[in-house]
Amino acid sequence: TAVQLLENYESRFCARLLVEDAPGV
């Protein structure tokens, strides 16, 4: 009870997407 769990912490992230090969994506 002396601390609070920080679930929505901040970090950098790396995401990989498979997308349609088209303009505007």
PDBML (XML) file of the C-alpha atoms, coordinates in Angstrom:
<?xml version="1.0" encoding="UTF-8" ?>
<PDBx:datablock datablockName="MODEL"
   xmlns:PDBx="http://pdbml.pdb.org/schema/pdbx-v50.xsd"
   xmlns:xsi="http://www.w3.org/2001/XMLSchema-instance"
   xsi:schemaLocation="http://pdbml.pdb.org/schema/pdbx-v50.xsd pdbx-v50.xsd">
   <PDBx:atom_siteCategory>
      <PDBx:atom_site id="1">
         <PDBx:B_iso_or_equiv>0.00</PDBx:B_iso_or_equiv>
         <PDBx:Cartn_x>0.000</PDBx:Cartn_x>
         <PDBx:Cartn_y>0.000</PDBx:Cartn_y>
         <PDBx:Cartn_z>0.000</PDBx:Cartn_z>
         <PDBx:auth_asym_id>A</PDBx:auth_asym_id>
         <PDBx:auth_atom_id>CA</PDBx:auth_atom_id>
         <PDBx:auth_comp_id>THR</PDBx:auth_comp_id>
         <PDBx:auth_seq_id>1</PDBx:auth_seq_id>
         <PDBx:group_PDB>ATOM</PDBx:group_PDB>
         <PDBx:label_alt_id xsi:nil="true" />
         <PDBx:label_asym_id>A</PDBx:label_asym_id>
         <PDBx:label_atom_id>CA</PDBx:label_atom_id>
         <PDBx:label_comp_id>THR</PDBx:label_comp_id>
         <PDBx:label_entity_id>1</PDBx:label_entity_id>
         <PDBx:label_seq_id>1</PDBx:label_seq_id>
         <PDBx:occupancy>1.00</PDBx:occupancy>
         <PDBx:pdbx_PDB_model_num>1</PDBx:pdbx_PDB_model_num>
         <PDBx:type_symbol>C</PDBx:type_symbol>
      </PDBx:atom_site>
      <PDBx:atom_site id="2">
         <PDBx:B_iso_or_equiv>0.00</PDBx:B_iso_or_equiv>
         <PDBx:Cartn_x>3.053</PDBx:Cartn_x>
         <PDBx:Cartn_y>2.280</PDBx:Cartn_y>
         <PDBx:Cartn_z>0.203</PDBx:Cartn_z>
         <PDBx:auth_asym_id>A</PDBx:auth_asym_id>
         <PDBx:auth_atom_id>CA</PDBx:auth_atom_id>
         <PDBx:auth_comp_id>ALA</PDBx:auth_comp_id>
         <PDBx:auth_seq_id>2</PDBx:auth_seq_id>
         <PDBx:group_PDB>ATOM</PDBx:group_PDB>
         <PDBx:label_alt_id xsi:nil="true" />
         <PDBx:label_asym_id>A</PDBx:label_asym_id>
         <PDBx:label_atom_id>CA</PDBx:label_atom_id>
         <PDBx:label_comp_id>ALA</PDBx:label_comp_id>
         <PDBx:label_entity_id>1</PDBx:label_entity_id>
         <PDBx:label_seq_id>2</PDBx:label_seq_id>
         <PDBx:occupancy>1.00</PDBx:occupancy>
         <PDBx:pdbx_PDB_model_num>1</PDBx:pdbx_PDB_model_num>
         <PDBx:type_symbol>C</PDBx:type_symbol>
      </PDBx:atom_site>
      <PDBx:atom_site id="3">
         <PDBx:B_iso_or_equiv>0.00</PDBx:B_iso_or_equiv>
         <PDBx:Cartn_x>3.262</PDBx:Cartn_x>
         <PDBx:Cartn_y>2.471</PDBx:Cartn_y>
         <PDBx:Cartn_z>-3.586</PDBx:Cartn_z>
         <PDBx:auth_asym_id>A</PDBx:auth_asym_id>
         <PDBx:auth_atom_id>CA</PDBx:auth_atom_id>
         <PDBx:auth_comp_id>VAL</PDBx:auth_comp_id>
         <PDBx:auth_seq_id>3</PDBx:auth_seq_id>
         <PDBx:group_PDB>ATOM</PDBx:group_PDB>
         <PDBx:label_alt_id xsi:nil="true" />
         <PDBx:label_asym_id>A</PDBx:label_asym_id>
         <PDBx:label_atom_id>CA</PDBx:label_atom_id>
         <PDBx:label_comp_id>VAL</PDBx:label_comp_id>
         <PDBx:label_entity_id>1</PDBx:label_entity_id>
         <PDBx:label_seq_id>3</PDBx:label_seq_id>
         <PDBx:occupancy>1.00</PDBx:occupancy>
         <PDBx:pdbx_PDB_model_num>1</PDBx:pdbx_PDB_model_num>
         <PDBx:type_symbol>C</PDBx:type_symbol>
      </PDBx:atom_site>
      <PDBx:atom_site id="4">
         <PDBx:B_iso_or_equiv>0.00</PDBx:B_iso_or_equiv>
         <PDBx:Cartn_x>0.996</PDBx:Cartn_x>
         <PDBx:Cartn_y>2.819</PDBx:Cartn_y>
         <PDBx:Cartn_z>-6.585</PDBx:Cartn_z>
         <PDBx:auth_asym_id>A</PDBx:auth_asym_id>
         <PDBx:auth_atom_id>CA</PDBx:auth_atom_id>
         <PDBx:auth_comp_id>GLN</PDBx:auth_comp_id>
         <PDBx:auth_seq_id>4</PDBx:auth_seq_id>
         <PDBx:group_PDB>ATOM</PDBx:group_PDB>
         <PDBx:label_alt_id xsi:nil="true" />
         <PDBx:label_asym_id>A</PDBx:label_asym_id>
         <PDBx:label_atom_id>CA</PDBx:label_atom_id>
         <PDBx:label_comp_id>GLN</PDBx:label_comp_id>
         <PDBx:label_entity_id>1</PDBx:label_entity_id>
         <PDBx:label_seq_id>4</PDBx:label_seq_id>
         <PDBx:occupancy>1.00</PDBx:occupancy>
         <PDBx:pdbx_PDB_model_num>1</PDBx:pdbx_PDB_model_num>
         <PDBx:type_symbol>C</PDBx:type_symbol>
      </PDBx:atom_site>
      <PDBx:atom_site id="5">
         <PDBx:B_iso_or_equiv>0.00</PDBx:B_iso_or_equiv>
         <PDBx:Cartn_x>1.371</PDBx:Cartn_x>
         <PDBx:Cartn_y>0.596</PDBx:Cartn_y>
         <PDBx:Cartn_z>-9.629</PDBx:Cartn_z>
         <PDBx:auth_asym_id>A</PDBx:auth_asym_id>
         <PDBx:auth_atom_id>CA</PDBx:auth_atom_id>
         <PDBx:auth_comp_id>LEU</PDBx:auth_comp_id>
         <PDBx:auth_seq_id>5</PDBx:auth_seq_id>
         <PDBx:group_PDB>ATOM</PDBx:group_PDB>
         <PDBx:label_alt_id xsi:nil="true" />
         <PDBx:label_asym_id>A</PDBx:label_asym_id>
         <PDBx:label_atom_id>CA</PDBx:label_atom_id>
         <PDBx:label_comp_id>LEU</PDBx:label_comp_id>
         <PDBx:label_entity_id>1</PDBx:label_entity_id>
         <PDBx:label_seq_id>5</PDBx:label_seq_id>
         <PDBx:occupancy>1.00</PDBx:occupancy>
         <PDBx:pdbx_PDB_model_num>1</PDBx:pdbx_PDB_model_num>
         <PDBx:type_symbol>C</PDBx:type_symbol>
      </PDBx:atom_site>
      <PDBx:atom_site id="6">
         <PDBx:B_iso_or_equiv>0.00</PDBx:B_iso_or_equiv>
         <PDBx:Cartn_x>1.962</PDBx:Cartn_x>
         <PDBx:Cartn_y>2.669</PDBx:Cartn_y>
         <PDBx:Cartn_z>-12.763</PDBx:Cartn_z>
         <PDBx:auth_asym_id>A</PDBx:auth_asym_id>
         <PDBx:auth_atom_id>CA</PDBx:auth_atom_id>
         <PDBx:auth_comp_id>LEU</PDBx:auth_comp_id>
         <PDBx:auth_seq_id>6</PDBx:auth_seq_id>
         <PDBx:group_PDB>ATOM</PDBx:group_PDB>
         <PDBx:label_alt_id xsi:nil="true" />
         <PDBx:label_asym_id>A</PDBx:label_asym_id>
         <PDBx:label_atom_id>CA</PDBx:label_atom_id>
         <PDBx:label_comp_id>LEU</PDBx:label_comp_id>
         <PDBx:label_entity_id>1</PDBx:label_entity_id>
         <PDBx:label_seq_id>6</PDBx:label_seq_id>
         <PDBx:occupancy>1.00</PDBx:occupancy>
         <PDBx:pdbx_PDB_model_num>1</PDBx:pdbx_PDB_model_num>
         <PDBx:type_symbol>C</PDBx:type_symbol>
      </PDBx:atom_site>
      <PDBx:atom_site id="7">
         <PDBx:B_iso_or_equiv>0.00</PDBx:B_iso_or_equiv>
         <PDBx:Cartn_x>0.277</PDBx:Cartn_x>
         <PDBx:Cartn_y>0.665</PDBx:Cartn_y>
         <PDBx:Cartn_z>-15.515</PDBx:Cartn_z>
         <PDBx:auth_asym_id>A</PDBx:auth_asym_id>
         <PDBx:auth_atom_id>CA</PDBx:auth_atom_id>
         <PDBx:auth_comp_id>GLU</PDBx:auth_comp_id>
         <PDBx:auth_seq_id>7</PDBx:auth_seq_id>
         <PDBx:group_PDB>ATOM</PDBx:group_PDB>
         <PDBx:label_alt_id xsi:nil="true" />
         <PDBx:label_asym_id>A</PDBx:label_asym_id>
         <PDBx:label_atom_id>CA</PDBx:label_atom_id>
         <PDBx:label_comp_id>GLU</PDBx:label_comp_id>
         <PDBx:label_entity_id>1</PDBx:label_entity_id>
         <PDBx:label_seq_id>7</PDBx:label_seq_id>
         <PDBx:occupancy>1.00</PDBx:occupancy>
         <PDBx:pdbx_PDB_model_num>1</PDBx:pdbx_PDB_model_num>
         <PDBx:type_symbol>C</PDBx:type_symbol>
      </PDBx:atom_site>
      <PDBx:atom_site id="8">
         <PDBx:B_iso_or_equiv>0.00</PDBx:B_iso_or_equiv>
         <PDBx:Cartn_x>0.135</PDBx:Cartn_x>
         <PDBx:Cartn_y>3.396</PDBx:Cartn_y>
         <PDBx:Cartn_z>-18.156</PDBx:Cartn_z>
         <PDBx:auth_asym_id>A</PDBx:auth_asym_id>
         <PDBx:auth_atom_id>CA</PDBx:auth_atom_id>
         <PDBx:auth_comp_id>ASN</PDBx:auth_comp_id>
         <PDBx:auth_seq_id>8</PDBx:auth_seq_id>
         <PDBx:group_PDB>ATOM</PDBx:group_PDB>
         <PDBx:label_alt_id xsi:nil="true" />
         <PDBx:label_asym_id>A</PDBx:label_asym_id>
         <PDBx:label_atom_id>CA</PDBx:label_atom_id>
         <PDBx:label_comp_id>ASN</PDBx:label_comp_id>
         <PDBx:label_entity_id>1</PDBx:label_entity_id>
         <PDBx:label_seq_id>8</PDBx:label_seq_id>
         <PDBx:occupancy>1.00</PDBx:occupancy>
         <PDBx:pdbx_PDB_model_num>1</PDBx:pdbx_PDB_model_num>
         <PDBx:type_symbol>C</PDBx:type_symbol>
      </PDBx:atom_site>
      <PDBx:atom_site id="9">
         <PDBx:B_iso_or_equiv>0.00</PDBx:B_iso_or_equiv>
         <PDBx:Cartn_x>3.890</PDBx:Cartn_x>
         <PDBx:Cartn_y>3.994</PDBx:Cartn_y>
         <PDBx:Cartn_z>-18.129</PDBx:Cartn_z>
         <PDBx:auth_asym_id>A</PDBx:auth_asym_id>
         <PDBx:auth_atom_id>CA</PDBx:auth_atom_id>
         <PDBx:auth_comp_id>TYR</PDBx:auth_comp_id>
         <PDBx:auth_seq_id>9</PDBx:auth_seq_id>
         <PDBx:group_PDB>ATOM</PDBx:group_PDB>
         <PDBx:label_alt_id xsi:nil="true" />
         <PDBx:label_asym_id>A</PDBx:label_asym_id>
         <PDBx:label_atom_id>CA</PDBx:label_atom_id>
         <PDBx:label_comp_id>TYR</PDBx:label_comp_id>
         <PDBx:label_entity_id>1</PDBx:label_entity_id>
         <PDBx:label_seq_id>9</PDBx:label_seq_id>
         <PDBx:occupancy>1.00</PDBx:occupancy>
         <PDBx:pdbx_PDB_model_num>1</PDBx:pdbx_PDB_model_num>
         <PDBx:type_symbol>C</PDBx:type_symbol>
      </PDBx:atom_site>
      <PDBx:atom_site id="10">
         <PDBx:B_iso_or_equiv>0.00</PDBx:B_iso_or_equiv>
         <PDBx:Cartn_x>5.747</PDBx:Cartn_x>
         <PDBx:Cartn_y>5.805</PDBx:Cartn_y>
         <PDBx:Cartn_z>-20.915</PDBx:Cartn_z>
         <PDBx:auth_asym_id>A</PDBx:auth_asym_id>
         <PDBx:auth_atom_id>CA</PDBx:auth_atom_id>
         <PDBx:auth_comp_id>GLU</PDBx:auth_comp_id>
         <PDBx:auth_seq_id>10</PDBx:auth_seq_id>
         <PDBx:group_PDB>ATOM</PDBx:group_PDB>
         <PDBx:label_alt_id xsi:nil="true" />
         <PDBx:label_asym_id>A</PDBx:label_asym_id>
         <PDBx:label_atom_id>CA</PDBx:label_atom_id>
         <PDBx:label_comp_id>GLU</PDBx:label_comp_id>
         <PDBx:label_entity_id>1</PDBx:label_entity_id>
         <PDBx:label_seq_id>10</PDBx:label_seq_id>
         <PDBx:occupancy>1.00</PDBx:occupancy>
         <PDBx:pdbx_PDB_model_num>1</PDBx:pdbx_PDB_model_num>
         <PDBx:type_symbol>C</PDBx:type_symbol>
      </PDBx:atom_site>
      <PDBx:atom_site id="11">
         <PDBx:B_iso_or_equiv>0.00</PDBx:B_iso_or_equiv>
         <PDBx:Cartn_x>8.221</PDBx:Cartn_x>
         <PDBx:Cartn_y>4.179</PDBx:Cartn_y>
         <PDBx:Cartn_z>-23.265</PDBx:Cartn_z>
         <PDBx:auth_asym_id>A</PDBx:auth_asym_id>
         <PDBx:auth_atom_id>CA</PDBx:auth_atom_id>
         <PDBx:auth_comp_id>SER</PDBx:auth_comp_id>
         <PDBx:auth_seq_id>11</PDBx:auth_seq_id>
         <PDBx:group_PDB>ATOM</PDBx:group_PDB>
         <PDBx:label_alt_id xsi:nil="true" />
         <PDBx:label_asym_id>A</PDBx:label_asym_id>
         <PDBx:label_atom_id>CA</PDBx:label_atom_id>
         <PDBx:label_comp_id>SER</PDBx:label_comp_id>
         <PDBx:label_entity_id>1</PDBx:label_entity_id>
         <PDBx:label_seq_id>11</PDBx:label_seq_id>
         <PDBx:occupancy>1.00</PDBx:occupancy>
         <PDBx:pdbx_PDB_model_num>1</PDBx:pdbx_PDB_model_num>
         <PDBx:type_symbol>C</PDBx:type_symbol>
      </PDBx:atom_site>
      <PDBx:atom_site id="12">
         <PDBx:B_iso_or_equiv>0.00</PDBx:B_iso_or_equiv>
         <PDBx:Cartn_x>9.400</PDBx:Cartn_x>
         <PDBx:Cartn_y>4.262</PDBx:Cartn_y>
         <PDBx:Cartn_z>-26.831</PDBx:Cartn_z>
         <PDBx:auth_asym_id>A</PDBx:auth_asym_id>
         <PDBx:auth_atom_id>CA</PDBx:auth_atom_id>
         <PDBx:auth_comp_id>ARG</PDBx:auth_comp_id>
         <PDBx:auth_seq_id>12</PDBx:auth_seq_id>
         <PDBx:group_PDB>ATOM</PDBx:group_PDB>
         <PDBx:label_alt_id xsi:nil="true" />
         <PDBx:label_asym_id>A</PDBx:label_asym_id>
         <PDBx:label_atom_id>CA</PDBx:label_atom_id>
         <PDBx:label_comp_id>ARG</PDBx:label_comp_id>
         <PDBx:label_entity_id>1</PDBx:label_entity_id>
         <PDBx:label_seq_id>12</PDBx:label_seq_id>
         <PDBx:occupancy>1.00</PDBx:occupancy>
         <PDBx:pdbx_PDB_model_num>1</PDBx:pdbx_PDB_model_num>
         <PDBx:type_symbol>C</PDBx:type_symbol>
      </PDBx:atom_site>
      <PDBx:atom_site id="13">
         <PDBx:B_iso_or_equiv>0.00</PDBx:B_iso_or_equiv>
         <PDBx:Cartn_x>7.942</PDBx:Cartn_x>
         <PDBx:Cartn_y>1.570</PDBx:Cartn_y>
         <PDBx:Cartn_z>-29.065</PDBx:Cartn_z>
         <PDBx:auth_asym_id>A</PDBx:auth_asym_id>
         <PDBx:auth_atom_id>CA</PDBx:auth_atom_id>
         <PDBx:auth_comp_id>PHE</PDBx:auth_comp_id>
         <PDBx:auth_seq_id>13</PDBx:auth_seq_id>
         <PDBx:group_PDB>ATOM</PDBx:group_PDB>
         <PDBx:label_alt_id xsi:nil="true" />
         <PDBx:label_asym_id>A</PDBx:label_asym_id>
         <PDBx:label_atom_id>CA</PDBx:label_atom_id>
         <PDBx:label_comp_id>PHE</PDBx:label_comp_id>
         <PDBx:label_entity_id>1</PDBx:label_entity_id>
         <PDBx:label_seq_id>13</PDBx:label_seq_id>
         <PDBx:occupancy>1.00</PDBx:occupancy>
         <PDBx:pdbx_PDB_model_num>1</PDBx:pdbx_PDB_model_num>
         <PDBx:type_symbol>C</PDBx:type_symbol>
      </PDBx:atom_site>
      <PDBx:atom_site id="14">
         <PDBx:B_iso_or_equiv>0.00</PDBx:B_iso_or_equiv>
         <PDBx:Cartn_x>8.724</PDBx:Cartn_x>
         <PDBx:Cartn_y>-0.124</PDBx:Cartn_y>
         <PDBx:Cartn_z>-32.362</PDBx:Cartn_z>
         <PDBx:auth_asym_id>A</PDBx:auth_asym_id>
         <PDBx:auth_atom_id>CA</PDBx:auth_atom_id>
         <PDBx:auth_comp_id>CYS</PDBx:auth_comp_id>
         <PDBx:auth_seq_id>14</PDBx:auth_seq_id>
         <PDBx:group_PDB>ATOM</PDBx:group_PDB>
         <PDBx:label_alt_id xsi:nil="true" />
         <PDBx:label_asym_id>A</PDBx:label_asym_id>
         <PDBx:label_atom_id>CA</PDBx:label_atom_id>
         <PDBx:label_comp_id>CYS</PDBx:label_comp_id>
         <PDBx:label_entity_id>1</PDBx:label_entity_id>
         <PDBx:label_seq_id>14</PDBx:label_seq_id>
         <PDBx:occupancy>1.00</PDBx:occupancy>
         <PDBx:pdbx_PDB_model_num>1</PDBx:pdbx_PDB_model_num>
         <PDBx:type_symbol>C</PDBx:type_symbol>
      </PDBx:atom_site>
      <PDBx:atom_site id="15">
         <PDBx:B_iso_or_equiv>0.00</PDBx:B_iso_or_equiv>
         <PDBx:Cartn_x>5.768</PDBx:Cartn_x>
         <PDBx:Cartn_y>-1.464</PDBx:Cartn_y>
         <PDBx:Cartn_z>-34.354</PDBx:Cartn_z>
         <PDBx:auth_asym_id>A</PDBx:auth_asym_id>
         <PDBx:auth_atom_id>CA</PDBx:auth_atom_id>
         <PDBx:auth_comp_id>ALA</PDBx:auth_comp_id>
         <PDBx:auth_seq_id>15</PDBx:auth_seq_id>
         <PDBx:group_PDB>ATOM</PDBx:group_PDB>
         <PDBx:label_alt_id xsi:nil="true" />
         <PDBx:label_asym_id>A</PDBx:label_asym_id>
         <PDBx:label_atom_id>CA</PDBx:label_atom_id>
         <PDBx:label_comp_id>ALA</PDBx:label_comp_id>
         <PDBx:label_entity_id>1</PDBx:label_entity_id>
         <PDBx:label_seq_id>15</PDBx:label_seq_id>
         <PDBx:occupancy>1.00</PDBx:occupancy>
         <PDBx:pdbx_PDB_model_num>1</PDBx:pdbx_PDB_model_num>
         <PDBx:type_symbol>C</PDBx:type_symbol>
      </PDBx:atom_site>
      <PDBx:atom_site id="16">
         <PDBx:B_iso_or_equiv>0.00</PDBx:B_iso_or_equiv>
         <PDBx:Cartn_x>5.871</PDBx:Cartn_x>
         <PDBx:Cartn_y>-3.452</PDBx:Cartn_y>
         <PDBx:Cartn_z>-37.583</PDBx:Cartn_z>
         <PDBx:auth_asym_id>A</PDBx:auth_asym_id>
         <PDBx:auth_atom_id>CA</PDBx:auth_atom_id>
         <PDBx:auth_comp_id>ARG</PDBx:auth_comp_id>
         <PDBx:auth_seq_id>16</PDBx:auth_seq_id>
         <PDBx:group_PDB>ATOM</PDBx:group_PDB>
         <PDBx:label_alt_id xsi:nil="true" />
         <PDBx:label_asym_id>A</PDBx:label_asym_id>
         <PDBx:label_atom_id>CA</PDBx:label_atom_id>
         <PDBx:label_comp_id>ARG</PDBx:label_comp_id>
         <PDBx:label_entity_id>1</PDBx:label_entity_id>
         <PDBx:label_seq_id>16</PDBx:label_seq_id>
         <PDBx:occupancy>1.00</PDBx:occupancy>
         <PDBx:pdbx_PDB_model_num>1</PDBx:pdbx_PDB_model_num>
         <PDBx:type_symbol>C</PDBx:type_symbol>
      </PDBx:atom_site>
      <PDBx:atom_site id="17">
         <PDBx:B_iso_or_equiv>0.00</PDBx:B_iso_or_equiv>
         <PDBx:Cartn_x>2.859</PDBx:Cartn_x>
         <PDBx:Cartn_y>-3.367</PDBx:Cartn_y>
         <PDBx:Cartn_z>-39.898</PDBx:Cartn_z>
         <PDBx:auth_asym_id>A</PDBx:auth_asym_id>
         <PDBx:auth_atom_id>CA</PDBx:auth_atom_id>
         <PDBx:auth_comp_id>LEU</PDBx:auth_comp_id>
         <PDBx:auth_seq_id>17</PDBx:auth_seq_id>
         <PDBx:group_PDB>ATOM</PDBx:group_PDB>
         <PDBx:label_alt_id xsi:nil="true" />
         <PDBx:label_asym_id>A</PDBx:label_asym_id>
         <PDBx:label_atom_id>CA</PDBx:label_atom_id>
         <PDBx:label_comp_id>LEU</PDBx:label_comp_id>
         <PDBx:label_entity_id>1</PDBx:label_entity_id>
         <PDBx:label_seq_id>17</PDBx:label_seq_id>
         <PDBx:occupancy>1.00</PDBx:occupancy>
         <PDBx:pdbx_PDB_model_num>1</PDBx:pdbx_PDB_model_num>
         <PDBx:type_symbol>C</PDBx:type_symbol>
      </PDBx:atom_site>
      <PDBx:atom_site id="18">
         <PDBx:B_iso_or_equiv>0.00</PDBx:B_iso_or_equiv>
         <PDBx:Cartn_x>1.917</PDBx:Cartn_x>
         <PDBx:Cartn_y>-5.316</PDBx:Cartn_y>
         <PDBx:Cartn_z>-43.024</PDBx:Cartn_z>
         <PDBx:auth_asym_id>A</PDBx:auth_asym_id>
         <PDBx:auth_atom_id>CA</PDBx:auth_atom_id>
         <PDBx:auth_comp_id>LEU</PDBx:auth_comp_id>
         <PDBx:auth_seq_id>18</PDBx:auth_seq_id>
         <PDBx:group_PDB>ATOM</PDBx:group_PDB>
         <PDBx:label_alt_id xsi:nil="true" />
         <PDBx:label_asym_id>A</PDBx:label_asym_id>
         <PDBx:label_atom_id>CA</PDBx:label_atom_id>
         <PDBx:label_comp_id>LEU</PDBx:label_comp_id>
         <PDBx:label_entity_id>1</PDBx:label_entity_id>
         <PDBx:label_seq_id>18</PDBx:label_seq_id>
         <PDBx:occupancy>1.00</PDBx:occupancy>
         <PDBx:pdbx_PDB_model_num>1</PDBx:pdbx_PDB_model_num>
         <PDBx:type_symbol>C</PDBx:type_symbol>
      </PDBx:atom_site>
      <PDBx:atom_site id="19">
         <PDBx:B_iso_or_equiv>0.00</PDBx:B_iso_or_equiv>
         <PDBx:Cartn_x>0.045</PDBx:Cartn_x>
         <PDBx:Cartn_y>-2.820</PDBx:Cartn_y>
         <PDBx:Cartn_z>-45.192</PDBx:Cartn_z>
         <PDBx:auth_asym_id>A</PDBx:auth_asym_id>
         <PDBx:auth_atom_id>CA</PDBx:auth_atom_id>
         <PDBx:auth_comp_id>VAL</PDBx:auth_comp_id>
         <PDBx:auth_seq_id>19</PDBx:auth_seq_id>
         <PDBx:group_PDB>ATOM</PDBx:group_PDB>
         <PDBx:label_alt_id xsi:nil="true" />
         <PDBx:label_asym_id>A</PDBx:label_asym_id>
         <PDBx:label_atom_id>CA</PDBx:label_atom_id>
         <PDBx:label_comp_id>VAL</PDBx:label_comp_id>
         <PDBx:label_entity_id>1</PDBx:label_entity_id>
         <PDBx:label_seq_id>19</PDBx:label_seq_id>
         <PDBx:occupancy>1.00</PDBx:occupancy>
         <PDBx:pdbx_PDB_model_num>1</PDBx:pdbx_PDB_model_num>
         <PDBx:type_symbol>C</PDBx:type_symbol>
      </PDBx:atom_site>
      <PDBx:atom_site id="20">
         <PDBx:B_iso_or_equiv>0.00</PDBx:B_iso_or_equiv>
         <PDBx:Cartn_x>-1.316</PDBx:Cartn_x>
         <PDBx:Cartn_y>-2.314</PDBx:Cartn_y>
         <PDBx:Cartn_z>-48.675</PDBx:Cartn_z>
         <PDBx:auth_asym_id>A</PDBx:auth_asym_id>
         <PDBx:auth_atom_id>CA</PDBx:auth_atom_id>
         <PDBx:auth_comp_id>GLU</PDBx:auth_comp_id>
         <PDBx:auth_seq_id>20</PDBx:auth_seq_id>
         <PDBx:group_PDB>ATOM</PDBx:group_PDB>
         <PDBx:label_alt_id xsi:nil="true" />
         <PDBx:label_asym_id>A</PDBx:label_asym_id>
         <PDBx:label_atom_id>CA</PDBx:label_atom_id>
         <PDBx:label_comp_id>GLU</PDBx:label_comp_id>
         <PDBx:label_entity_id>1</PDBx:label_entity_id>
         <PDBx:label_seq_id>20</PDBx:label_seq_id>
         <PDBx:occupancy>1.00</PDBx:occupancy>
         <PDBx:pdbx_PDB_model_num>1</PDBx:pdbx_PDB_model_num>
         <PDBx:type_symbol>C</PDBx:type_symbol>
      </PDBx:atom_site>
      <PDBx:atom_site id="21">
         <PDBx:B_iso_or_equiv>0.00</PDBx:B_iso_or_equiv>
         <PDBx:Cartn_x>1.389</PDBx:Cartn_x>
         <PDBx:Cartn_y>-0.945</PDBx:Cartn_y>
         <PDBx:Cartn_z>-50.971</PDBx:Cartn_z>
         <PDBx:auth_asym_id>A</PDBx:auth_asym_id>
         <PDBx:auth_atom_id>CA</PDBx:auth_atom_id>
         <PDBx:auth_comp_id>ASP</PDBx:auth_comp_id>
         <PDBx:auth_seq_id>21</PDBx:auth_seq_id>
         <PDBx:group_PDB>ATOM</PDBx:group_PDB>
         <PDBx:label_alt_id xsi:nil="true" />
         <PDBx:label_asym_id>A</PDBx:label_asym_id>
         <PDBx:label_atom_id>CA</PDBx:label_atom_id>
         <PDBx:label_comp_id>ASP</PDBx:label_comp_id>
         <PDBx:label_entity_id>1</PDBx:label_entity_id>
         <PDBx:label_seq_id>21</PDBx:label_seq_id>
         <PDBx:occupancy>1.00</PDBx:occupancy>
         <PDBx:pdbx_PDB_model_num>1</PDBx:pdbx_PDB_model_num>
         <PDBx:type_symbol>C</PDBx:type_symbol>
      </PDBx:atom_site>
      <PDBx:atom_site id="22">
         <PDBx:B_iso_or_equiv>0.00</PDBx:B_iso_or_equiv>
         <PDBx:Cartn_x>-0.525</PDBx:Cartn_x>
         <PDBx:Cartn_y>2.148</PDBx:Cartn_y>
         <PDBx:Cartn_z>-52.018</PDBx:Cartn_z>
         <PDBx:auth_asym_id>A</PDBx:auth_asym_id>
         <PDBx:auth_atom_id>CA</PDBx:auth_atom_id>
         <PDBx:auth_comp_id>ALA</PDBx:auth_comp_id>
         <PDBx:auth_seq_id>22</PDBx:auth_seq_id>
         <PDBx:group_PDB>ATOM</PDBx:group_PDB>
         <PDBx:label_alt_id xsi:nil="true" />
         <PDBx:label_asym_id>A</PDBx:label_asym_id>
         <PDBx:label_atom_id>CA</PDBx:label_atom_id>
         <PDBx:label_comp_id>ALA</PDBx:label_comp_id>
         <PDBx:label_entity_id>1</PDBx:label_entity_id>
         <PDBx:label_seq_id>22</PDBx:label_seq_id>
         <PDBx:occupancy>1.00</PDBx:occupancy>
         <PDBx:pdbx_PDB_model_num>1</PDBx:pdbx_PDB_model_num>
         <PDBx:type_symbol>C</PDBx:type_symbol>
      </PDBx:atom_site>
      <PDBx:atom_site id="23">
         <PDBx:B_iso_or_equiv>0.00</PDBx:B_iso_or_equiv>
         <PDBx:Cartn_x>-0.378</PDBx:Cartn_x>
         <PDBx:Cartn_y>5.949</PDBx:Cartn_y>
         <PDBx:Cartn_z>-51.676</PDBx:Cartn_z>
         <PDBx:auth_asym_id>A</PDBx:auth_asym_id>
         <PDBx:auth_atom_id>CA</PDBx:auth_atom_id>
         <PDBx:auth_comp_id>PRO</PDBx:auth_comp_id>
         <PDBx:auth_seq_id>23</PDBx:auth_seq_id>
         <PDBx:group_PDB>ATOM</PDBx:group_PDB>
         <PDBx:label_alt_id xsi:nil="true" />
         <PDBx:label_asym_id>A</PDBx:label_asym_id>
         <PDBx:label_atom_id>CA</PDBx:label_atom_id>
         <PDBx:label_comp_id>PRO</PDBx:label_comp_id>
         <PDBx:label_entity_id>1</PDBx:label_entity_id>
         <PDBx:label_seq_id>23</PDBx:label_seq_id>
         <PDBx:occupancy>1.00</PDBx:occupancy>
         <PDBx:pdbx_PDB_model_num>1</PDBx:pdbx_PDB_model_num>
         <PDBx:type_symbol>C</PDBx:type_symbol>
      </PDBx:atom_site>
      <PDBx:atom_site id="24">
         <PDBx:B_iso_or_equiv>0.00</PDBx:B_iso_or_equiv>
         <PDBx:Cartn_x>-1.829</PDBx:Cartn_x>
         <PDBx:Cartn_y>7.447</PDBx:Cartn_y>
         <PDBx:Cartn_z>-48.477</PDBx:Cartn_z>
         <PDBx:auth_asym_id>A</PDBx:auth_asym_id>
         <PDBx:auth_atom_id>CA</PDBx:auth_atom_id>
         <PDBx:auth_comp_id>GLY</PDBx:auth_comp_id>
         <PDBx:auth_seq_id>24</PDBx:auth_seq_id>
         <PDBx:group_PDB>ATOM</PDBx:group_PDB>
         <PDBx:label_alt_id xsi:nil="true" />
         <PDBx:label_asym_id>A</PDBx:label_asym_id>
         <PDBx:label_atom_id>CA</PDBx:label_atom_id>
         <PDBx:label_comp_id>GLY</PDBx:label_comp_id>
         <PDBx:label_entity_id>1</PDBx:label_entity_id>
         <PDBx:label_seq_id>24</PDBx:label_seq_id>
         <PDBx:occupancy>1.00</PDBx:occupancy>
         <PDBx:pdbx_PDB_model_num>1</PDBx:pdbx_PDB_model_num>
         <PDBx:type_symbol>C</PDBx:type_symbol>
      </PDBx:atom_site>
      <PDBx:atom_site id="25">
         <PDBx:B_iso_or_equiv>0.00</PDBx:B_iso_or_equiv>
         <PDBx:Cartn_x>-1.268</PDBx:Cartn_x>
         <PDBx:Cartn_y>4.443</PDBx:Cartn_y>
         <PDBx:Cartn_z>-46.234</PDBx:Cartn_z>
         <PDBx:auth_asym_id>A</PDBx:auth_asym_id>
         <PDBx:auth_atom_id>CA</PDBx:auth_atom_id>
         <PDBx:auth_comp_id>VAL</PDBx:auth_comp_id>
         <PDBx:auth_seq_id>25</PDBx:auth_seq_id>
         <PDBx:group_PDB>ATOM</PDBx:group_PDB>
         <PDBx:label_alt_id xsi:nil="true" />
         <PDBx:label_asym_id>A</PDBx:label_asym_id>
         <PDBx:label_atom_id>CA</PDBx:label_atom_id>
         <PDBx:label_comp_id>VAL</PDBx:label_comp_id>
         <PDBx:label_entity_id>1</PDBx:label_entity_id>
         <PDBx:label_seq_id>25</PDBx:label_seq_id>
         <PDBx:occupancy>1.00</PDBx:occupancy>
         <PDBx:pdbx_PDB_model_num>1</PDBx:pdbx_PDB_model_num>
         <PDBx:type_symbol>C</PDBx:type_symbol>
      </PDBx:atom_site>
   </PDBx:atom_siteCategory>
</PDBx:datablock>
